[in-house]
């Protein structure tokens, strides 16, 4: 057997390496010999950022083709795709640009349409036969229903804005609750919660001790009901006879109604003429549409009822609130408040010439608020009467309306001593569930001698909650 020389071995190695390199080049570059297989479809997108030529085209996660070209067409991006032979795409399918994983490459995904009615092709004209228009897309067609990829930079900017808002809110809470007075307020709240839990535990213990007696009383009630049923058996028989008589009378009444119905069908009598006249139907139809429009407006109006109590140490204020919302961005607020500083009186008594004594008194008094509110996104403005005087207020909503930060200003022309500046109140509230919420803030902070921190708790019921509560109330007979 002849041995290969060193030059022959080197040449053979170079030849084998060239063949492997050429094969990998054609595989990675996806080169094809001869004419391209499959058929071409195109789609118009508002943006194709990140989508390149040779990107995959998929349906239900399975690759069915590749992107051949991306070009600009009348300020929109046209994506030309080559679909593998044998793959049929239903007419009406939507094309969307997606990303493989979190940071993977982008690709075009076809989403088939919802199942069309039997015997018709999606997108066909009324009365057009199925044979005139194929159920599947034809080669060289353009897909109009498309979805562009999300703009990551825009999402990052929105997240940065939300982070800034959260930072401002936490800073405000730190100023309110980080002081010594705020710490004492939180300790008082925790002490009240412990007392409440102790009362609940005591009530549960009492209920367990009296449970046997309650069962005995229920048994006595059941025995009394059985005795009542036994004593009234004769009355039940009489009632059944009355029901039979009523049934016979009902049969006679039905016969009379049937006779009247025949006359109405023939157009006899006043009622028959009214029914056979088309003008009466048109008038009734117009009236029904008007009633339907009116009731739909009423159904769209949302009603919110709220109760809350705010502790200002040692005084407290209670509120009843009614909100009517004909629209999500426009609503009306009515509120009643018992204000411990509601009625102000100042008395000056002259004791001796040149000297006098002045006393000031306050009396608890109900006040009311009536405001119109308008909302723009997460911000809202309220104007009207606030605690029986003109005022203005602003709200800012966070965490999908779970949290609200408010600033109210009213009583601009106060003549009370140590209370001559406008009454301003800053409040932050947070919903702990669907109905329960807590709040806190600073009241009358422009007048230092009347300023006070407060914390509160309340309930808030919407339409669904009110329907449930009203339906649970027993109706007396």
Protein backbone atom coordinates (compact mmCIF):
# COMPACT_ATOMS: atom_id res chain seq x y z
CA UNK A 1 0.00 0.00 0.00
CA UNK A 2 1.47 3.37 -1.10
CA UNK A 3 2.02 5.99 1.56
CA UNK A 4 0.87 9.59 1.09
CA UNK A 5 3.49 12.24 1.09
CA UNK A 6 3.38 15.18 3.49
CA UNK A 7 2.28 17.50 0.69
CA UNK A 8 -0.58 15.17 -0.25
CA UNK A 9 -1.77 14.94 3.35
CA UNK A 10 -1.77 18.77 3.69
CA UNK A 11 -3.68 19.14 0.41
CA UNK A 12 -6.25 16.51 1.47
CA UNK A 13 -6.75 18.26 4.85
CA UNK A 14 -7.22 21.65 3.12
CA UNK A 15 -9.75 20.10 0.68
CA UNK A 16 -11.81 18.51 3.49
CA UNK A 17 -11.78 21.79 5.49
CA UNK A 18 -12.89 23.79 2.45
CA UNK A 19 -15.81 21.41 1.83
CA UNK A 20 -16.94 21.66 5.50
CA UNK A 21 -16.59 25.48 5.49
CA UNK A 22 -18.57 25.73 2.24
CA UNK A 23 -21.32 23.49 3.67
CA UNK A 24 -21.59 25.54 6.91
CA UNK A 25 -21.68 28.77 4.89
CA UNK A 26 -24.69 27.57 2.92
CA UNK A 27 -26.44 26.25 6.06
CA UNK A 28 -25.93 29.36 8.23
CA UNK A 29 -26.61 31.80 5.36
CA UNK A 30 -29.69 29.78 4.37
CA UNK A 31 -28.67 29.78 0.69
CA UNK A 32 -30.78 27.80 -1.70
CA UNK A 33 -29.98 26.40 -5.09
CA UNK A 34 -32.38 26.95 -7.89
CA UNK A 35 -35.61 28.98 -7.62
CA UNK A 36 -37.04 29.98 -4.24
CA UNK A 37 -39.75 27.66 -2.99
CA UNK A 38 -43.11 28.63 -1.49
CA UNK A 39 -45.13 31.81 -2.13
CA UNK A 40 -44.86 35.47 -1.08
CA UNK A 41 -47.12 37.47 1.27
CA UNK A 42 -46.64 41.05 2.49
CA UNK A 43 -47.85 42.99 5.53
CA UNK A 44 -47.86 46.69 6.50
CA UNK A 45 -46.71 47.74 10.00
CA UNK A 46 -46.41 51.13 11.73
CA UNK A 47 -43.02 50.05 13.09
CA UNK A 48 -40.76 46.98 12.65
CA UNK A 49 -37.94 48.02 15.02
CA UNK A 50 -35.65 45.02 15.62
CA UNK A 51 -37.03 42.88 12.76
CA UNK A 52 -34.40 41.94 10.16
CA UNK A 53 -34.28 40.02 6.92
CA UNK A 54 -34.10 36.24 7.33
CA UNK A 55 -36.17 36.53 10.54
CA UNK A 56 -38.59 33.68 11.17
CA UNK A 57 -42.29 33.66 10.30
CA UNK A 58 -44.31 31.49 12.70
CA UNK A 59 -47.85 30.31 13.34
CA UNK A 60 -48.78 28.75 16.68
CA UNK A 61 -45.05 28.79 17.50
CA UNK A 62 -44.10 26.68 14.43
CA UNK A 63 -41.81 28.19 11.80
CA UNK A 64 -43.62 28.43 8.45
CA UNK A 65 -41.36 30.82 6.50
CA UNK A 66 -38.85 33.68 6.57
CA UNK A 67 -38.73 37.44 6.03
CA UNK A 68 -37.28 38.20 2.60
CA UNK A 69 -37.27 42.01 2.61
CA UNK A 70 -38.21 45.01 4.80
CA UNK A 71 -38.89 48.27 2.93
CA UNK A 72 -40.62 51.64 3.42
CA UNK A 73 -44.04 52.15 1.80
CA UNK A 74 -45.84 55.50 2.32
CA UNK A 75 -44.34 56.14 5.80
CA UNK A 76 -45.14 52.55 6.86
CA UNK A 77 -42.95 49.46 6.90
CA UNK A 78 -43.75 46.74 4.34
CA UNK A 79 -42.53 43.26 5.30
CA UNK A 80 -42.27 40.77 2.44
CA UNK A 81 -42.38 37.14 3.63
CA UNK A 82 -41.88 33.83 1.85
CA UNK A 83 -44.16 31.07 3.17
CA UNK A 84 -43.13 27.43 2.92
CA UNK A 85 -44.91 25.27 0.31
CA UNK A 86 -48.00 23.48 1.58
CA UNK A 87 -48.69 26.04 4.35
CA UNK A 88 -52.10 27.71 3.91
CA UNK A 89 -53.00 30.85 5.92
CA UNK A 90 -56.69 31.65 6.49
CA UNK A 91 -58.04 34.89 5.16
CA UNK A 92 -58.54 37.44 7.95
CA UNK A 93 -55.45 36.30 9.90
CA UNK A 94 -53.56 39.05 11.76
CA UNK A 95 -49.78 39.53 11.58
CA UNK A 96 -47.98 40.69 14.72
CA UNK A 97 -44.33 41.18 15.62
CA UNK A 98 -43.22 39.31 18.75
CA UNK A 99 -39.99 38.60 20.61
CA UNK A 100 -38.60 35.12 21.33
CA UNK A 101 -38.30 35.22 25.12
CA UNK A 102 -37.39 38.40 27.00
CA UNK A 103 -34.34 39.48 24.96
CA UNK A 104 -34.53 37.11 22.01
CA UNK A 105 -34.80 37.86 18.31
CA UNK A 106 -38.00 39.26 16.82
CA UNK A 107 -40.20 37.30 14.44
CA UNK A 108 -43.56 37.62 12.65
CA UNK A 109 -46.44 35.64 14.15
CA UNK A 110 -49.67 34.86 12.25
CA UNK A 111 -52.82 34.78 14.43
CA UNK A 112 -55.72 32.95 12.73
CA UNK A 113 -59.13 34.66 12.80
CA UNK A 114 -62.05 33.52 14.91
CA UNK A 115 -64.13 30.73 13.36
CA UNK A 116 -66.30 32.24 10.63
CA UNK A 117 -69.89 31.24 9.94
CA UNK A 118 -70.28 27.94 8.17
CA UNK A 119 -70.45 28.23 4.42
CA UNK A 120 -68.81 31.68 4.12
CA UNK A 121 -65.22 32.83 3.73
CA UNK A 122 -63.75 35.46 6.05
CA UNK A 123 -63.75 38.85 4.41
CA UNK A 124 -66.20 37.87 1.63
CA UNK A 125 -68.98 40.19 0.50
CA UNK A 126 -72.66 39.43 1.30
CA UNK A 127 -74.08 37.09 -1.29
CA UNK A 128 -70.63 36.16 -2.67
CA UNK A 129 -70.16 32.44 -3.27
CA UNK A 130 -67.36 30.60 -1.46
CA UNK A 131 -65.90 29.49 -4.79
CA UNK A 132 -65.44 33.15 -5.90
CA UNK A 133 -63.15 33.99 -3.00
CA UNK A 134 -60.75 31.49 -1.43
CA UNK A 135 -60.86 30.80 2.30
CA UNK A 136 -57.05 31.08 2.32
CA UNK A 137 -54.77 33.95 1.34
CA UNK A 138 -53.53 33.94 -2.26
CA UNK A 139 -49.86 34.52 -3.19
CA UNK A 140 -48.72 38.18 -3.35
CA UNK A 141 -51.62 39.40 -1.15
CA UNK A 142 -51.09 42.14 1.46
CA UNK A 143 -52.21 41.60 5.06
CA UNK A 144 -53.90 44.70 6.52
CA UNK A 145 -54.55 43.55 10.09
CA UNK A 146 -51.18 43.96 11.85
CA UNK A 147 -49.81 44.76 15.31
CA UNK A 148 -46.49 46.54 15.80
CA UNK A 149 -44.10 45.71 18.69
CA UNK A 150 -44.21 47.71 21.93
CA UNK A 151 -41.84 50.65 22.36
CA UNK A 152 -39.48 49.67 25.19
CA UNK A 153 -38.15 53.23 25.64
CA UNK A 154 -41.69 54.53 26.20
CA UNK A 155 -42.36 51.83 28.81
CA UNK A 156 -39.10 52.68 30.61
CA UNK A 157 -40.02 56.41 30.69
CA UNK A 158 -43.44 55.59 32.16
CA UNK A 159 -41.86 53.39 34.83
CA UNK A 160 -39.42 56.19 35.70
CA UNK A 161 -42.31 58.64 36.15
CA UNK A 162 -44.16 56.19 38.40
CA UNK A 163 -41.00 55.68 40.50
CA UNK A 164 -40.71 59.46 40.95
CA UNK A 165 -44.34 59.71 42.09
CA UNK A 166 -43.83 56.88 44.59
CA UNK A 167 -40.75 58.63 45.94
CA UNK A 168 -42.71 61.85 46.49
CA UNK A 169 -45.53 59.99 48.25
CA UNK A 170 -43.15 58.14 50.57
CA UNK A 171 -41.42 61.44 51.37
CA UNK A 172 -44.77 63.01 52.30
CA UNK A 173 -45.66 60.02 54.51
CA UNK A 174 -42.25 60.25 56.18
CA UNK A 175 -42.90 63.90 57.01
CA UNK A 176 -46.37 63.12 58.40
CA UNK A 177 -45.66 59.91 60.33
CA UNK A 178 -41.94 60.31 61.05
CA UNK A 179 -42.46 63.00 63.70
CA UNK A 180 -42.94 62.35 67.38
CA UNK A 181 -46.63 63.30 67.15
CA UNK A 182 -47.12 60.84 64.28
CA UNK A 183 -45.46 58.04 66.28
CA UNK A 184 -47.78 58.74 69.22
CA UNK A 185 -50.78 58.66 66.87
CA UNK A 186 -49.78 55.24 65.51
CA UNK A 187 -49.34 53.93 69.07
CA UNK A 188 -52.87 55.10 69.94
CA UNK A 189 -54.28 53.35 66.86
CA UNK A 190 -52.53 50.07 67.75
CA UNK A 191 -53.83 50.33 71.32
CA UNK A 192 -57.42 50.78 70.03
CA UNK A 193 -57.00 47.77 67.71
CA UNK A 194 -55.83 45.60 70.63
CA UNK A 195 -58.91 46.61 72.67
CA UNK A 196 -61.17 45.78 69.72
CA UNK A 197 -59.65 42.30 69.28
CA UNK A 198 -60.06 41.65 73.02
CA UNK A 199 -63.76 42.56 72.79
CA UNK A 200 -64.24 40.23 69.82
CA UNK A 201 -62.55 37.37 71.70
CA UNK A 202 -64.79 37.97 74.74
CA UNK A 203 -67.90 37.93 72.53
CA UNK A 204 -66.82 34.64 70.93
CA UNK A 205 -66.32 33.07 74.38
CA UNK A 206 -69.80 34.19 75.47
CA UNK A 207 -71.36 32.74 72.30
CA UNK A 208 -69.70 29.37 72.90
CA UNK A 209 -71.05 29.24 76.46
CA UNK A 210 -74.65 30.02 75.44
CA UNK A 211 -74.70 27.76 72.35
CA UNK A 212 -76.60 24.89 74.06
CA UNK A 213 -79.38 27.21 75.21
CA UNK A 214 -79.73 28.58 71.66
CA UNK A 215 -80.19 25.05 70.24
CA UNK A 216 -82.90 24.33 72.85
CA UNK A 217 -84.81 27.45 71.88
CA UNK A 218 -84.66 26.48 68.21
CA UNK A 219 -86.10 23.05 69.04
CA UNK A 220 -88.95 24.71 70.97
CA UNK A 221 -89.67 26.93 67.98
CA UNK A 222 -89.84 23.89 65.65
CA UNK A 223 -92.30 22.17 68.00
CA UNK A 224 -94.51 25.26 68.07
CA UNK A 225 -94.58 25.36 64.27
CA UNK A 226 -95.64 21.70 64.09
CA UNK A 227 -98.50 22.40 66.51
CA UNK A 228 -99.68 25.36 64.43
CA UNK A 229 -99.73 23.21 61.25
CA UNK A 230 -101.76 20.49 63.00
CA UNK A 231 -104.35 22.96 64.30
CA UNK A 232 -104.91 24.50 60.85
CA UNK A 233 -105.41 21.36 58.74
CA UNK A 234 -109.12 22.12 58.27
CA UNK A 235 -108.29 25.61 57.10
CA UNK A 236 -105.87 24.15 54.57
CA UNK A 237 -108.68 21.96 53.12
CA UNK A 238 -110.92 24.98 52.76
CA UNK A 239 -108.12 26.84 51.05
CA UNK A 240 -107.67 24.02 48.52
CA UNK A 241 -111.41 24.18 47.67
CA UNK A 242 -111.07 27.90 47.13
CA UNK A 243 -108.12 27.25 44.81
CA UNK A 244 -110.22 24.80 42.74
CA UNK A 245 -113.00 27.35 42.45
CA UNK A 246 -110.51 30.01 41.41
CA UNK A 247 -109.14 27.62 38.75
CA UNK A 248 -112.63 27.20 37.25
CA UNK A 249 -113.12 30.94 37.20
CA UNK A 250 -109.74 31.31 35.50
CA UNK A 251 -110.83 28.90 32.73
CA UNK A 252 -113.92 31.01 32.09
CA UNK A 253 -111.81 34.17 32.03
CA UNK A 254 -109.40 32.57 29.51
CA UNK A 255 -112.34 31.70 27.27
CA UNK A 256 -113.48 35.33 27.35
CA UNK A 257 -109.95 36.53 26.60
CA UNK A 258 -109.76 34.16 23.62
CA UNK A 259 -112.99 35.60 22.24
CA UNK A 260 -111.67 39.13 22.60
CA UNK A 261 -108.38 38.13 20.93
CA UNK A 262 -110.27 36.84 17.84
CA UNK A 263 -112.07 40.17 17.51
CA UNK A 264 -108.80 42.06 17.84
CA UNK A 265 -107.21 39.90 15.11
CA UNK A 266 -110.11 40.78 12.78
CA UNK A 267 -109.61 44.49 13.56
CA UNK A 268 -112.97 44.86 15.33
CA UNK A 269 -113.46 47.35 18.15
CA UNK A 270 -111.26 50.19 19.34
CA UNK A 271 -108.38 47.95 20.45
CA UNK A 272 -108.36 46.08 17.13
CA UNK A 273 -108.15 49.35 15.18
CA UNK A 274 -105.29 50.57 17.37
CA UNK A 275 -103.31 47.36 16.83
CA UNK A 276 -103.89 47.23 13.07
CA UNK A 277 -102.88 50.90 12.62
CA UNK A 278 -99.14 51.26 11.79
CA UNK A 279 -98.98 54.80 13.14
CA UNK A 280 -99.72 53.56 16.67
CA UNK A 281 -96.85 51.06 16.39
CA UNK A 282 -94.47 53.79 15.22
CA UNK A 283 -95.45 56.04 18.14
CA UNK A 284 -95.00 53.24 20.66
CA UNK A 285 -91.65 52.30 19.11
CA UNK A 286 -90.40 55.91 19.37
CA UNK A 287 -91.57 56.14 22.98
CA UNK A 288 -89.85 52.84 23.84
CA UNK A 289 -86.58 54.05 22.32
CA UNK A 290 -86.78 57.25 24.37
CA UNK A 291 -87.41 55.29 27.56
CA UNK A 292 -84.55 52.94 26.70
CA UNK A 293 -82.13 55.85 26.20
CA UNK A 294 -83.20 57.40 29.50
CA UNK A 295 -82.86 54.15 31.47
CA UNK A 296 -79.44 53.44 29.89
CA UNK A 297 -78.19 56.85 31.10
CA UNK A 298 -79.47 56.07 34.59
CA UNK A 299 -77.79 52.63 34.55
CA UNK A 300 -74.46 54.20 33.54
CA UNK A 301 -74.57 56.53 36.56
CA UNK A 302 -72.55 55.13 39.45
CA UNK A 303 -73.39 55.81 43.09
CA UNK A 304 -70.81 55.72 45.90
CA UNK A 305 -71.71 56.07 49.60
CA UNK A 306 -69.02 56.54 52.25
CA UNK A 307 -68.65 56.97 56.02
CA UNK A 308 -65.48 57.92 57.86
CA UNK A 309 -64.26 59.25 61.21
CA UNK A 310 -61.09 61.29 61.73
CA UNK A 311 -59.42 61.59 65.15
CA UNK A 312 -57.66 64.92 65.69
CA UNK A 313 -56.67 64.21 69.31
CA UNK A 314 -58.74 64.82 71.35
CA UNK A 315 -61.50 66.04 69.01
CA UNK A 316 -62.96 64.01 66.16
CA UNK A 317 -64.96 64.63 62.98
CA UNK A 318 -67.39 62.29 61.24
CA UNK A 319 -68.32 62.43 57.57
CA UNK A 320 -71.14 61.08 55.39
CA UNK A 321 -70.35 61.20 51.63
CA UNK A 322 -72.52 60.64 48.55
CA UNK A 323 -70.93 60.61 45.06
CA UNK A 324 -72.92 60.54 41.81
CA UNK A 325 -70.84 59.65 38.73
CA UNK A 326 -72.61 60.05 35.37
CA UNK A 327 -69.17 59.60 33.76
CA UNK A 328 -65.81 58.26 34.92
CA UNK A 329 -64.18 61.67 34.51
CA UNK A 330 -67.04 63.82 35.87
CA UNK A 331 -68.90 63.43 39.16
CA UNK A 332 -70.74 65.30 41.91
CA UNK A 333 -70.02 65.06 45.65
CA UNK A 334 -72.39 65.77 48.57
CA UNK A 335 -70.94 65.53 52.08
CA UNK A 336 -72.18 66.22 55.63
CA UNK A 337 -69.75 66.84 58.52
CA UNK A 338 -70.11 67.38 62.26
CA UNK A 339 -67.41 69.97 62.96
CA UNK A 340 -66.33 70.43 66.62
CA UNK A 341 -65.23 73.96 65.62
CA UNK A 342 -68.46 74.54 63.69
CA UNK A 343 -70.02 77.50 65.57
CA UNK A 344 -67.64 80.20 66.81
CA UNK A 345 -68.53 82.82 69.42
CA UNK A 346 -66.37 85.59 70.91
CA UNK A 347 -67.44 87.51 74.04
CA UNK A 348 -65.69 90.57 75.53
CA UNK A 349 -66.57 91.54 79.14
CA UNK A 350 -65.35 94.85 80.61
CA UNK A 351 -64.49 94.31 84.28
CA UNK A 352 -63.02 97.66 85.20
CA UNK A 353 -62.44 100.83 83.20
CA UNK A 354 -59.57 100.16 80.83
CA UNK A 355 -59.53 96.35 81.29
CA UNK A 356 -61.57 93.60 79.63
CA UNK A 357 -61.73 89.80 79.37
CA UNK A 358 -62.31 88.07 76.03
CA UNK A 359 -63.55 84.48 75.81
CA UNK A 360 -63.91 82.26 72.74
CA UNK A 361 -66.20 79.24 72.53
CA UNK A 362 -66.87 76.60 69.87
CA UNK A 363 -69.98 74.50 69.42
CA UNK A 364 -70.34 71.28 67.45
CA UNK A 365 -72.34 71.94 64.31
CA UNK A 366 -73.28 70.13 61.09
CA UNK A 367 -71.80 71.48 57.88
CA UNK A 368 -72.28 70.35 54.33
CA UNK A 369 -70.21 70.26 51.15
CA UNK A 370 -71.45 70.28 47.55
CA UNK A 371 -68.75 69.98 44.88
CA UNK A 372 -68.34 69.33 41.18
CA UNK A 373 -65.28 67.22 40.25
CA UNK A 374 -63.48 66.79 36.93
CA UNK A 375 -60.74 64.19 36.39
CA UNK A 376 -57.83 64.15 33.90
CA UNK A 377 -55.97 60.84 34.05
CA UNK A 378 -54.68 60.41 37.62
CA UNK A 379 -55.43 64.03 38.66
CA UNK A 380 -58.79 65.56 39.60
CA UNK A 381 -60.03 69.07 40.51
CA UNK A 382 -63.00 69.81 42.81
CA UNK A 383 -64.80 73.17 43.17
CA UNK A 384 -67.89 74.27 45.09
CA UNK A 385 -68.89 74.45 48.75
CA UNK A 386 -66.57 72.83 51.28
CA UNK A 387 -67.95 72.70 54.85
CA UNK A 388 -70.56 75.40 54.05
CA UNK A 389 -68.05 77.86 52.50
CA UNK A 390 -66.61 78.30 49.02
CA UNK A 391 -63.50 76.27 48.33
CA UNK A 392 -61.32 74.37 45.88
CA UNK A 393 -59.52 71.02 46.13
CA UNK A 394 -57.26 68.71 44.15
CA UNK A 395 -56.76 64.93 44.16
CA UNK A 396 -54.04 62.65 42.79
CA UNK A 397 -54.65 58.89 42.43
CA UNK A 398 -52.00 56.18 42.67
CA UNK A 399 -51.77 52.38 42.38
CA UNK A 400 -54.89 52.04 40.20
CA UNK A 401 -56.93 54.33 42.52
CA UNK A 402 -56.02 52.33 45.64
CA UNK A 403 -54.32 55.43 47.10
CA UNK A 404 -55.38 59.08 46.91
CA UNK A 405 -53.52 62.25 47.98
CA UNK A 406 -55.73 65.35 48.43
CA UNK A 407 -55.33 69.03 49.29
CA UNK A 408 -58.46 71.07 50.20
CA UNK A 409 -58.75 74.83 50.79
CA UNK A 410 -61.81 76.74 52.06
CA UNK A 411 -62.96 79.45 54.51
CA UNK A 412 -60.79 82.08 52.81
CA UNK A 413 -62.24 85.09 54.73
CA UNK A 414 -62.28 83.82 58.31
CA UNK A 415 -62.56 86.45 61.08
CA UNK A 416 -61.82 84.06 63.96
CA UNK A 417 -58.88 84.83 66.18
CA UNK A 418 -55.81 82.65 65.40
CA UNK A 419 -57.69 81.36 62.35
CA UNK A 420 -57.53 84.24 59.88
CA UNK A 421 -55.73 82.34 57.11
CA UNK A 422 -57.44 79.97 54.70
CA UNK A 423 -58.36 76.56 56.10
CA UNK A 424 -56.17 74.03 54.23
CA UNK A 425 -56.10 70.29 54.75
CA UNK A 426 -53.70 67.65 53.35
CA UNK A 427 -54.91 64.03 53.33
CA UNK A 428 -53.56 60.68 52.14
CA UNK A 429 -55.95 57.69 52.06
CA UNK A 430 -55.41 54.02 51.13
CA UNK A 431 -57.98 51.28 50.40
CA UNK A 432 -57.35 48.12 52.44
CA UNK A 433 -59.96 46.18 50.48
CA UNK A 434 -63.08 46.79 48.43
CA UNK A 435 -64.82 48.85 51.16
CA UNK A 436 -62.44 49.55 54.10
CA UNK A 437 -59.92 52.40 53.92
CA UNK A 438 -57.64 54.37 56.28
CA UNK A 439 -56.43 57.94 55.97
CA UNK A 440 -54.24 60.50 57.71
CA UNK A 441 -52.86 63.97 57.28
CA UNK A 442 -52.67 67.52 58.67
CA UNK A 443 -55.71 69.78 59.16
CA UNK A 444 -55.63 73.61 59.02
CA UNK A 445 -51.82 73.68 58.68
CA UNK A 446 -51.69 77.38 57.69
CA UNK A 447 -52.96 78.42 61.16
CA UNK A 448 -50.36 77.08 63.57
CA UNK A 449 -52.50 77.39 66.73
CA UNK A 450 -55.37 75.47 65.13
CA UNK A 451 -53.24 72.97 63.18
CA UNK A 452 -53.66 69.29 64.09
CA UNK A 453 -52.57 65.92 62.73
CA UNK A 454 -55.26 63.28 62.29
CA UNK A 455 -55.80 59.63 61.40
CA UNK A 456 -59.04 58.04 60.38
CA UNK A 457 -60.86 54.96 59.17
CA UNK A 458 -63.93 54.57 57.00
CA UNK A 459 -66.13 52.50 54.72
CA UNK A 460 -66.92 53.08 51.04
CA UNK A 461 -69.70 51.27 49.14
CA UNK A 462 -70.25 51.30 45.36
CA UNK A 463 -73.35 50.22 43.37
CA UNK A 464 -72.63 46.49 43.66
CA UNK A 465 -72.03 46.73 47.42
CA UNK A 466 -75.26 48.70 47.93
CA UNK A 467 -77.28 46.16 45.89
CA UNK A 468 -75.90 43.35 48.06
CA UNK A 469 -76.63 45.21 51.31
CA UNK A 470 -80.16 46.21 50.27
CA UNK A 471 -80.89 42.67 49.10
CA UNK A 472 -79.74 41.29 52.48
CA UNK A 473 -82.11 43.50 54.51
CA UNK A 474 -85.23 41.54 55.56
CA UNK A 475 -88.50 43.15 54.39
CA UNK A 476 -91.24 43.11 57.06
CA UNK A 477 -94.59 41.69 55.97
